[in-house]
Amino acid sequence: MFPAGAGWGRLVRARPAHTAAPHAGTSRRHHADGSHVGEGRDGQVDLSITRADHGNRTVVHLGGEIDVYTAPLVREKLDEQIQAGRTDLVVDLTDVTFLDSTGLGVLVGRLKLARTRGGSMRLVGTDDRVLKVFAITGLDKVFEIHPDVESALAAGVAPAETS
């Protein structure tokens, strides 16, 4: 469990080196929060997960690949937020380089869970390869997908919340 208002980060080596996917990159990008996304020295794919609270909204930033190896950790971290009552979620996929059906399933499941608890889940994404997965599956009609975190946070804000 993470205290309210506290950010958290996690860098995960999620895939054994012998199963490194052909779409795994070799570059490494550093973020302001110190996490990074890229392929490790041993060929394992890294996944970064960080979170930041914005009032009663929580932004979960994901980076790297969300696939059969990393999706369970994404599910765990989103479930932790929902179980803690942080059900108004924004999931930032801006730094996601690959998303498979397992990752989609996790996002759909967390959307349903958040909604059953009176919450919502908005996505942020601009990568054409990732957005195409939502379009092909029709999930672009299910999820609110925004071009940036600011517009996702502003969506659905009641007038009393903005004053």
N, C-alpha and C. Protein backbone atom coordinates (compact mmCIF):
# COMPACT_ATOMS: atom_id res chain seq x y z
N MET A 1 0.85 -1.17 0.00
CA MET A 1 0.00 0.00 0.00
C MET A 1 0.89 1.22 0.00
N PHE A 2 0.49 2.27 -0.70
CA PHE A 2 1.24 3.50 -0.78
C PHE A 2 0.46 4.61 -0.12
N PRO A 3 1.12 5.46 0.67
CA PRO A 3 0.40 6.54 1.33
C PRO A 3 -0.18 7.52 0.32
N ALA A 4 -1.31 8.12 0.67
CA ALA A 4 -1.96 9.08 -0.21
C ALA A 4 -1.00 10.22 -0.51
N GLY A 5 -0.95 10.60 -1.77
CA GLY A 5 -0.12 11.72 -2.19
C GLY A 5 1.32 11.34 -2.47
N ALA A 6 1.73 10.16 -2.09
CA ALA A 6 3.12 9.75 -2.31
C ALA A 6 3.25 9.12 -3.68
N GLY A 7 4.29 9.46 -4.39
CA GLY A 7 4.55 8.83 -5.67
C GLY A 7 5.31 7.55 -5.46
N TRP A 8 5.23 6.64 -6.39
CA TRP A 8 6.00 5.42 -6.29
C TRP A 8 6.50 5.08 -7.66
N GLY A 9 7.51 4.32 -7.70
CA GLY A 9 8.06 3.91 -8.98
C GLY A 9 8.59 2.50 -8.87
N ARG A 10 8.65 1.85 -9.98
CA ARG A 10 9.15 0.50 -9.98
C ARG A 10 9.73 0.21 -11.34
N LEU A 11 10.89 -0.34 -11.36
CA LEU A 11 11.50 -0.77 -12.59
C LEU A 11 11.60 -2.28 -12.51
N VAL A 12 11.09 -2.96 -13.48
CA VAL A 12 10.95 -4.40 -13.40
C VAL A 12 11.69 -5.07 -14.54
N ARG A 13 12.40 -6.09 -14.23
CA ARG A 13 12.96 -6.97 -15.25
C ARG A 13 11.96 -8.11 -15.36
N ALA A 14 11.12 -8.05 -16.38
CA ALA A 14 9.96 -8.93 -16.40
C ALA A 14 10.09 -10.13 -17.31
N ARG A 15 11.05 -10.15 -18.19
CA ARG A 15 11.12 -11.23 -19.15
C ARG A 15 12.49 -11.89 -19.05
N PRO A 16 12.53 -13.20 -18.93
CA PRO A 16 13.81 -13.88 -18.93
C PRO A 16 14.57 -13.56 -20.22
N ALA A 17 15.87 -13.47 -20.14
CA ALA A 17 16.69 -13.08 -21.28
C ALA A 17 16.49 -13.99 -22.49
N HIS A 18 16.28 -15.27 -22.27
CA HIS A 18 16.15 -16.19 -23.39
C HIS A 18 14.84 -16.05 -24.14
N THR A 19 13.89 -15.28 -23.62
CA THR A 19 12.61 -15.09 -24.30
C THR A 19 12.41 -13.65 -24.73
N ALA A 20 13.48 -12.88 -24.81
CA ALA A 20 13.35 -11.48 -25.21
C ALA A 20 12.64 -11.38 -26.55
N ALA A 21 11.65 -10.54 -26.59
CA ALA A 21 10.82 -10.40 -27.78
C ALA A 21 11.57 -9.69 -28.90
N PRO A 22 11.25 -10.00 -30.16
CA PRO A 22 11.93 -9.35 -31.28
C PRO A 22 11.64 -7.86 -31.35
N HIS A 23 10.56 -7.38 -30.73
CA HIS A 23 10.24 -5.97 -30.77
C HIS A 23 10.92 -5.19 -29.65
N ALA A 24 11.71 -5.87 -28.84
CA ALA A 24 12.39 -5.19 -27.74
C ALA A 24 13.45 -4.25 -28.29
N GLY A 25 13.46 -3.03 -27.80
CA GLY A 25 14.43 -2.05 -28.26
C GLY A 25 15.73 -2.18 -27.52
N THR A 26 16.74 -1.51 -28.02
CA THR A 26 18.03 -1.54 -27.35
C THR A 26 18.37 -0.19 -26.76
N SER A 27 17.53 0.79 -26.99
CA SER A 27 17.81 2.13 -26.47
C SER A 27 17.33 2.25 -25.04
N ARG A 28 17.82 3.26 -24.35
CA ARG A 28 17.43 3.51 -22.97
C ARG A 28 17.12 5.00 -22.86
N ARG A 29 15.91 5.32 -22.38
CA ARG A 29 15.51 6.70 -22.18
C ARG A 29 15.34 6.93 -20.71
N HIS A 30 15.88 8.03 -20.22
CA HIS A 30 15.75 8.36 -18.81
C HIS A 30 14.64 9.39 -18.63
N HIS A 31 13.90 9.26 -17.56
CA HIS A 31 12.81 10.18 -17.23
C HIS A 31 13.22 11.06 -16.06
N ALA A 32 12.50 12.14 -15.89
CA ALA A 32 12.80 13.08 -14.81
C ALA A 32 12.73 12.43 -13.44
N ASP A 33 11.88 11.41 -13.27
CA ASP A 33 11.75 10.78 -11.96
C ASP A 33 12.82 9.73 -11.69
N GLY A 34 13.75 9.56 -12.64
CA GLY A 34 14.85 8.63 -12.44
C GLY A 34 14.60 7.24 -12.98
N SER A 35 13.35 6.92 -13.35
CA SER A 35 13.09 5.60 -13.92
C SER A 35 13.54 5.61 -15.38
N HIS A 36 13.65 4.46 -15.95
CA HIS A 36 14.02 4.40 -17.35
C HIS A 36 13.30 3.26 -18.04
N VAL A 37 13.28 3.36 -19.36
CA VAL A 37 12.63 2.36 -20.18
C VAL A 37 13.63 1.93 -21.23
N GLY A 38 13.78 0.67 -21.43
CA GLY A 38 14.67 0.18 -22.47
C GLY A 38 15.05 -1.25 -22.20
N GLU A 39 15.95 -1.76 -23.00
CA GLU A 39 16.39 -3.14 -22.82
C GLU A 39 17.60 -3.16 -21.92
N GLY A 40 17.56 -4.02 -20.95
CA GLY A 40 18.67 -4.16 -20.02
C GLY A 40 19.86 -4.84 -20.67
N ARG A 41 20.98 -4.82 -19.97
CA ARG A 41 22.22 -5.42 -20.47
C ARG A 41 22.08 -6.90 -20.76
N ASP A 42 21.22 -7.56 -20.02
CA ASP A 42 21.06 -9.00 -20.18
C ASP A 42 19.93 -9.36 -21.14
N GLY A 43 19.37 -8.38 -21.87
CA GLY A 43 18.34 -8.65 -22.86
C GLY A 43 16.94 -8.68 -22.29
N GLN A 44 16.78 -8.42 -21.00
CA GLN A 44 15.45 -8.42 -20.41
C GLN A 44 14.78 -7.07 -20.69
N VAL A 45 13.48 -7.12 -20.84
CA VAL A 45 12.72 -5.91 -21.12
C VAL A 45 12.31 -5.25 -19.81
N ASP A 46 12.48 -3.95 -19.75
CA ASP A 46 12.13 -3.20 -18.55
C ASP A 46 10.72 -2.63 -18.69
N LEU A 47 10.04 -2.55 -17.57
CA LEU A 47 8.74 -1.91 -17.49
C LEU A 47 8.83 -0.88 -16.37
N SER A 48 8.46 0.34 -16.66
CA SER A 48 8.43 1.33 -15.59
C SER A 48 6.99 1.65 -15.24
N ILE A 49 6.75 1.79 -13.94
CA ILE A 49 5.42 2.15 -13.43
C ILE A 49 5.64 3.20 -12.35
N THR A 50 5.02 4.36 -12.55
CA THR A 50 5.06 5.39 -11.53
C THR A 50 3.65 5.92 -11.34
N ARG A 51 3.42 6.56 -10.21
CA ARG A 51 2.09 7.12 -9.97
C ARG A 51 2.21 8.48 -9.31
N ALA A 52 1.23 9.31 -9.58
CA ALA A 52 1.16 10.63 -8.96
C ALA A 52 -0.30 10.95 -8.69
N ASP A 53 -0.58 11.48 -7.51
CA ASP A 53 -1.94 11.87 -7.15
C ASP A 53 -2.15 13.32 -7.53
N HIS A 54 -3.32 13.59 -8.08
CA HIS A 54 -3.77 14.95 -8.43
C HIS A 54 -5.13 15.13 -7.79
N GLY A 55 -5.15 15.59 -6.56
CA GLY A 55 -6.41 15.67 -5.83
C GLY A 55 -6.95 14.27 -5.63
N ASN A 56 -8.20 14.04 -6.07
CA ASN A 56 -8.78 12.71 -5.92
C ASN A 56 -8.53 11.82 -7.13
N ARG A 57 -7.73 12.29 -8.05
CA ARG A 57 -7.38 11.51 -9.24
C ARG A 57 -5.96 10.96 -9.10
N THR A 58 -5.74 9.80 -9.66
CA THR A 58 -4.42 9.18 -9.65
C THR A 58 -3.99 8.93 -11.09
N VAL A 59 -2.79 9.38 -11.40
CA VAL A 59 -2.21 9.13 -12.71
C VAL A 59 -1.16 8.03 -12.56
N VAL A 60 -1.34 6.97 -13.32
CA VAL A 60 -0.37 5.88 -13.35
C VAL A 60 0.32 5.94 -14.70
N HIS A 61 1.63 6.20 -14.67
CA HIS A 61 2.43 6.28 -15.89
C HIS A 61 3.08 4.93 -16.14
N LEU A 62 2.86 4.39 -17.34
CA LEU A 62 3.46 3.12 -17.71
C LEU A 62 4.45 3.36 -18.84
N GLY A 63 5.53 2.63 -18.84
CA GLY A 63 6.51 2.74 -19.90
C GLY A 63 7.08 1.38 -20.24
N GLY A 64 7.38 1.17 -21.49
CA GLY A 64 7.94 -0.10 -21.94
C GLY A 64 6.90 -0.96 -22.61
N GLU A 65 6.99 -2.26 -22.39
CA GLU A 65 6.10 -3.21 -23.03
C GLU A 65 5.11 -3.80 -22.03
N ILE A 66 3.86 -3.83 -22.44
CA ILE A 66 2.83 -4.47 -21.61
C ILE A 66 2.38 -5.70 -22.37
N ASP A 67 2.82 -6.83 -21.87
CA ASP A 67 2.55 -8.09 -22.54
C ASP A 67 2.31 -9.18 -21.51
N VAL A 68 2.33 -10.42 -21.95
CA VAL A 68 2.02 -11.54 -21.05
C VAL A 68 2.96 -11.58 -19.85
N TYR A 69 4.18 -11.07 -19.98
CA TYR A 69 5.14 -11.09 -18.88
C TYR A 69 4.95 -9.95 -17.90
N THR A 70 4.57 -8.78 -18.39
CA THR A 70 4.49 -7.59 -17.54
C THR A 70 3.08 -7.24 -17.11
N ALA A 71 2.07 -7.75 -17.80
CA ALA A 71 0.68 -7.41 -17.49
C ALA A 71 0.28 -7.75 -16.05
N PRO A 72 0.76 -8.85 -15.46
CA PRO A 72 0.37 -9.13 -14.08
C PRO A 72 0.80 -8.03 -13.10
N LEU A 73 1.96 -7.43 -13.33
CA LEU A 73 2.41 -6.35 -12.46
C LEU A 73 1.55 -5.10 -12.67
N VAL A 74 1.18 -4.81 -13.91
CA VAL A 74 0.31 -3.68 -14.20
C VAL A 74 -1.03 -3.89 -13.49
N ARG A 75 -1.57 -5.10 -13.58
CA ARG A 75 -2.83 -5.43 -12.90
C ARG A 75 -2.70 -5.22 -11.39
N GLU A 76 -1.62 -5.72 -10.82
CA GLU A 76 -1.40 -5.59 -9.38
C GLU A 76 -1.36 -4.13 -8.94
N LYS A 77 -0.63 -3.30 -9.67
CA LYS A 77 -0.49 -1.90 -9.27
C LYS A 77 -1.80 -1.12 -9.45
N LEU A 78 -2.53 -1.39 -10.52
CA LEU A 78 -3.82 -0.72 -10.69
C LEU A 78 -4.82 -1.21 -9.64
N ASP A 79 -4.80 -2.50 -9.34
CA ASP A 79 -5.69 -3.04 -8.31
C ASP A 79 -5.39 -2.42 -6.95
N GLU A 80 -4.13 -2.19 -6.63
CA GLU A 80 -3.78 -1.56 -5.36
C GLU A 80 -4.43 -0.19 -5.24
N GLN A 81 -4.43 0.56 -6.32
CA GLN A 81 -5.04 1.89 -6.30
C GLN A 81 -6.55 1.79 -6.10
N ILE A 82 -7.18 0.90 -6.84
CA ILE A 82 -8.63 0.75 -6.76
C ILE A 82 -9.04 0.25 -5.37
N GLN A 83 -8.31 -0.73 -4.84
CA GLN A 83 -8.62 -1.26 -3.51
C GLN A 83 -8.45 -0.18 -2.43
N ALA A 84 -7.55 0.77 -2.67
CA ALA A 84 -7.32 1.86 -1.70
C ALA A 84 -8.34 2.98 -1.86
N GLY A 85 -9.30 2.80 -2.78
CA GLY A 85 -10.33 3.82 -2.97
C GLY A 85 -9.97 4.87 -4.00
N ARG A 86 -8.85 4.74 -4.66
CA ARG A 86 -8.43 5.69 -5.71
C ARG A 86 -8.98 5.16 -7.03
N THR A 87 -10.28 5.41 -7.25
CA THR A 87 -10.96 4.81 -8.39
C THR A 87 -11.10 5.75 -9.58
N ASP A 88 -10.62 6.98 -9.47
CA ASP A 88 -10.63 7.90 -10.60
C ASP A 88 -9.21 7.90 -11.16
N LEU A 89 -8.98 7.00 -12.13
CA LEU A 89 -7.64 6.74 -12.63
C LEU A 89 -7.41 7.32 -14.02
N VAL A 90 -6.20 7.77 -14.24
CA VAL A 90 -5.71 8.14 -15.57
C VAL A 90 -4.49 7.25 -15.79
N VAL A 91 -4.53 6.44 -16.83
CA VAL A 91 -3.40 5.56 -17.15
C VAL A 91 -2.69 6.15 -18.36
N ASP A 92 -1.46 6.58 -18.13
CA ASP A 92 -0.65 7.23 -19.17
C ASP A 92 0.15 6.18 -19.92
N LEU A 93 -0.21 5.96 -21.17
CA LEU A 93 0.46 4.98 -22.03
C LEU A 93 1.45 5.64 -22.99
N THR A 94 1.77 6.90 -22.76
CA THR A 94 2.62 7.65 -23.68
C THR A 94 3.95 6.94 -23.94
N ASP A 95 4.55 6.34 -22.92
CA ASP A 95 5.85 5.69 -23.08
C ASP A 95 5.74 4.19 -23.28
N VAL A 96 4.53 3.69 -23.56
CA VAL A 96 4.36 2.27 -23.85
C VAL A 96 4.75 2.05 -25.30
N THR A 97 5.63 1.08 -25.52
CA THR A 97 6.12 0.79 -26.86
C THR A 97 5.45 -0.41 -27.49
N PHE A 98 4.78 -1.22 -26.67
CA PHE A 98 4.12 -2.43 -27.18
C PHE A 98 3.00 -2.79 -26.21
N LEU A 99 1.86 -3.19 -26.77
CA LEU A 99 0.71 -3.59 -25.96
C LEU A 99 0.06 -4.78 -26.65
N ASP A 100 -0.02 -5.91 -25.95
CA ASP A 100 -0.65 -7.09 -26.54
C ASP A 100 -2.03 -7.33 -25.93
N SER A 101 -2.65 -8.44 -26.32
CA SER A 101 -4.02 -8.72 -25.86
C SER A 101 -4.07 -8.94 -24.35
N THR A 102 -3.00 -9.44 -23.76
CA THR A 102 -2.99 -9.61 -22.31
C THR A 102 -3.05 -8.26 -21.62
N GLY A 103 -2.29 -7.31 -22.13
CA GLY A 103 -2.31 -5.95 -21.59
C GLY A 103 -3.67 -5.30 -21.77
N LEU A 104 -4.28 -5.51 -22.94
CA LEU A 104 -5.63 -4.98 -23.17
C LEU A 104 -6.61 -5.57 -22.17
N GLY A 105 -6.49 -6.85 -21.93
CA GLY A 105 -7.39 -7.51 -20.98
C GLY A 105 -7.27 -6.93 -19.58
N VAL A 106 -6.04 -6.63 -19.18
CA VAL A 106 -5.82 -6.01 -17.86
C VAL A 106 -6.50 -4.64 -17.81
N LEU A 107 -6.34 -3.83 -18.86
CA LEU A 107 -6.94 -2.50 -18.87
C LEU A 107 -8.47 -2.58 -18.85
N VAL A 108 -9.04 -3.49 -19.63
CA VAL A 108 -10.50 -3.64 -19.65
C VAL A 108 -11.00 -4.09 -18.28
N GLY A 109 -10.31 -5.04 -17.67
CA GLY A 109 -10.72 -5.52 -16.35
C GLY A 109 -10.65 -4.44 -15.28
N ARG A 110 -9.61 -3.61 -15.32
CA ARG A 110 -9.48 -2.54 -14.33
C ARG A 110 -10.52 -1.45 -14.59
N LEU A 111 -10.87 -1.19 -15.85
CA LEU A 111 -11.93 -0.24 -16.16
C LEU A 111 -13.24 -0.72 -15.54
N LYS A 112 -13.57 -1.99 -15.73
CA LYS A 112 -14.80 -2.54 -15.16
C LYS A 112 -14.79 -2.46 -13.63
N LEU A 113 -13.66 -2.80 -13.03
CA LEU A 113 -13.55 -2.76 -11.58
C LEU A 113 -13.71 -1.33 -11.05
N ALA A 114 -13.06 -0.38 -11.69
CA ALA A 114 -13.18 1.02 -11.26
C ALA A 114 -14.63 1.49 -11.38
N ARG A 115 -15.29 1.12 -12.46
CA ARG A 115 -16.69 1.54 -12.66
C ARG A 115 -17.62 0.92 -11.63
N THR A 116 -17.39 -0.34 -11.25
CA THR A 116 -18.25 -0.96 -10.25
C THR A 116 -18.11 -0.28 -8.89
N ARG A 117 -17.03 0.44 -8.70
CA ARG A 117 -16.80 1.16 -7.44
C ARG A 117 -17.08 2.65 -7.59
N GLY A 118 -17.80 3.02 -8.65
CA GLY A 118 -18.19 4.40 -8.85
C GLY A 118 -17.11 5.28 -9.44
N GLY A 119 -16.06 4.67 -9.99
CA GLY A 119 -14.95 5.44 -10.53
C GLY A 119 -14.90 5.42 -12.04
N SER A 120 -13.75 5.80 -12.55
CA SER A 120 -13.55 5.83 -13.99
C SER A 120 -12.07 5.58 -14.28
N MET A 121 -11.79 5.29 -15.54
CA MET A 121 -10.41 5.14 -15.97
C MET A 121 -10.28 5.73 -17.36
N ARG A 122 -9.43 6.73 -17.47
CA ARG A 122 -9.15 7.36 -18.75
C ARG A 122 -7.74 6.98 -19.17
N LEU A 123 -7.52 6.90 -20.47
CA LEU A 123 -6.20 6.57 -20.98
C LEU A 123 -5.59 7.77 -21.66
N VAL A 124 -4.27 7.82 -21.67
CA VAL A 124 -3.52 8.84 -22.39
C VAL A 124 -2.59 8.09 -23.34
N GLY A 125 -2.62 8.47 -24.59
CA GLY A 125 -1.74 7.82 -25.55
C GLY A 125 -1.66 8.57 -26.85
N THR A 126 -0.48 8.51 -27.46
CA THR A 126 -0.27 9.17 -28.74
C THR A 126 0.44 8.27 -29.75
N ASP A 127 0.99 7.15 -29.30
CA ASP A 127 1.73 6.26 -30.19
C ASP A 127 0.76 5.56 -31.13
N ASP A 128 0.98 5.72 -32.43
CA ASP A 128 0.08 5.14 -33.42
C ASP A 128 -0.02 3.63 -33.31
N ARG A 129 1.08 2.95 -32.98
CA ARG A 129 1.05 1.49 -32.88
C ARG A 129 0.16 1.05 -31.72
N VAL A 130 0.23 1.76 -30.61
CA VAL A 130 -0.59 1.42 -29.44
C VAL A 130 -2.05 1.79 -29.70
N LEU A 131 -2.28 2.97 -30.24
CA LEU A 131 -3.66 3.40 -30.52
C LEU A 131 -4.34 2.49 -31.55
N LYS A 132 -3.55 1.97 -32.48
CA LYS A 132 -4.12 1.08 -33.50
C LYS A 132 -4.70 -0.18 -32.87
N VAL A 133 -4.08 -0.68 -31.81
CA VAL A 133 -4.59 -1.86 -31.11
C VAL A 133 -5.99 -1.58 -30.56
N PHE A 134 -6.19 -0.39 -30.02
CA PHE A 134 -7.51 -0.02 -29.49
C PHE A 134 -8.51 0.12 -30.63
N ALA A 135 -8.09 0.71 -31.75
CA ALA A 135 -8.99 0.89 -32.88
C ALA A 135 -9.40 -0.44 -33.50
N ILE A 136 -8.44 -1.33 -33.70
CA ILE A 136 -8.72 -2.63 -34.32
C ILE A 136 -9.69 -3.45 -33.47
N THR A 137 -9.55 -3.38 -32.17
CA THR A 137 -10.40 -4.16 -31.27
C THR A 137 -11.72 -3.47 -30.93
N GLY A 138 -11.86 -2.22 -31.35
CA GLY A 138 -13.07 -1.47 -31.02
C GLY A 138 -13.04 -0.88 -29.62
N LEU A 139 -11.94 -1.06 -28.90
CA LEU A 139 -11.85 -0.55 -27.53
C LEU A 139 -11.66 0.97 -27.48
N ASP A 140 -11.39 1.58 -28.63
CA ASP A 140 -11.34 3.04 -28.66
C ASP A 140 -12.73 3.63 -28.43
N LYS A 141 -13.77 2.81 -28.56
CA LYS A 141 -15.14 3.25 -28.27
C LYS A 141 -15.50 3.01 -26.81
N VAL A 142 -14.73 2.17 -26.12
CA VAL A 142 -14.99 1.82 -24.73
C VAL A 142 -14.22 2.76 -23.79
N PHE A 143 -12.97 3.03 -24.14
CA PHE A 143 -12.12 3.89 -23.31
C PHE A 143 -12.15 5.32 -23.80
N GLU A 144 -12.06 6.25 -22.85
CA GLU A 144 -11.77 7.64 -23.19
C GLU A 144 -10.27 7.71 -23.37
N ILE A 145 -9.82 8.07 -24.57
CA ILE A 145 -8.39 8.16 -24.83
C ILE A 145 -8.06 9.62 -25.14
N HIS A 146 -7.13 10.16 -24.36
CA HIS A 146 -6.76 11.57 -24.47
C HIS A 146 -5.33 11.71 -24.98
N PRO A 147 -5.02 12.86 -25.59
CA PRO A 147 -3.67 13.06 -26.13
C PRO A 147 -2.63 13.43 -25.08
N ASP A 148 -3.08 13.89 -23.91
CA ASP A 148 -2.13 14.27 -22.86
C ASP A 148 -2.79 14.13 -21.50
N VAL A 149 -1.96 14.09 -20.47
CA VAL A 149 -2.44 13.90 -19.10
C VAL A 149 -3.35 15.05 -18.68
N GLU A 150 -3.01 16.26 -19.06
CA GLU A 150 -3.80 17.42 -18.64
C GLU A 150 -5.25 17.33 -19.12
N SER A 151 -5.45 16.93 -20.37
CA SER A 151 -6.83 16.83 -20.87
C SER A 151 -7.56 15.66 -20.22
N ALA A 152 -6.85 14.58 -19.92
CA ALA A 152 -7.48 13.45 -19.23
C ALA A 152 -7.90 13.84 -17.81
N LEU A 153 -7.06 14.61 -17.13
CA LEU A 153 -7.40 15.06 -15.78
C LEU A 153 -8.57 16.04 -15.80
N ALA A 154 -8.64 16.87 -16.84
CA ALA A 154 -9.71 17.87 -16.92
C ALA A 154 -11.04 17.25 -17.32
N ALA A 155 -11.02 16.10 -18.00
CA ALA A 155 -12.25 15.47 -18.47
C ALA A 155 -13.12 15.04 -17.30
N GLY A 156 -14.36 15.40 -17.37
CA GLY A 156 -15.30 14.98 -16.35
C GLY A 156 -15.22 15.70 -15.03
N VAL A 157 -14.44 16.78 -14.98
CA VAL A 157 -14.34 17.54 -13.73
C VAL A 157 -15.59 18.38 -13.58
N ALA A 158 -16.26 18.23 -12.45
CA ALA A 158 -17.46 19.02 -12.18
C ALA A 158 -17.04 20.47 -11.91
N PRO A 159 -17.89 21.46 -12.25
CA PRO A 159 -17.54 22.86 -12.02
C PRO A 159 -17.13 23.17 -10.58
N ALA A 160 -17.73 22.53 -9.60
CA ALA A 160 -17.37 22.79 -8.21
C ALA A 160 -15.93 22.35 -7.91
N GLU A 161 -15.43 21.34 -8.66
CA GLU A 161 -14.07 20.85 -8.44
C GLU A 161 -13.03 21.81 -8.98
N THR A 162 -13.38 22.63 -9.96
CA THR A 162 -12.41 23.51 -10.58
C THR A 162 -12.25 24.83 -9.85
N SER A 163 -13.14 25.16 -8.94
CA SER A 163 -13.05 26.46 -8.26
C SER A 163 -12.22 26.38 -7.00
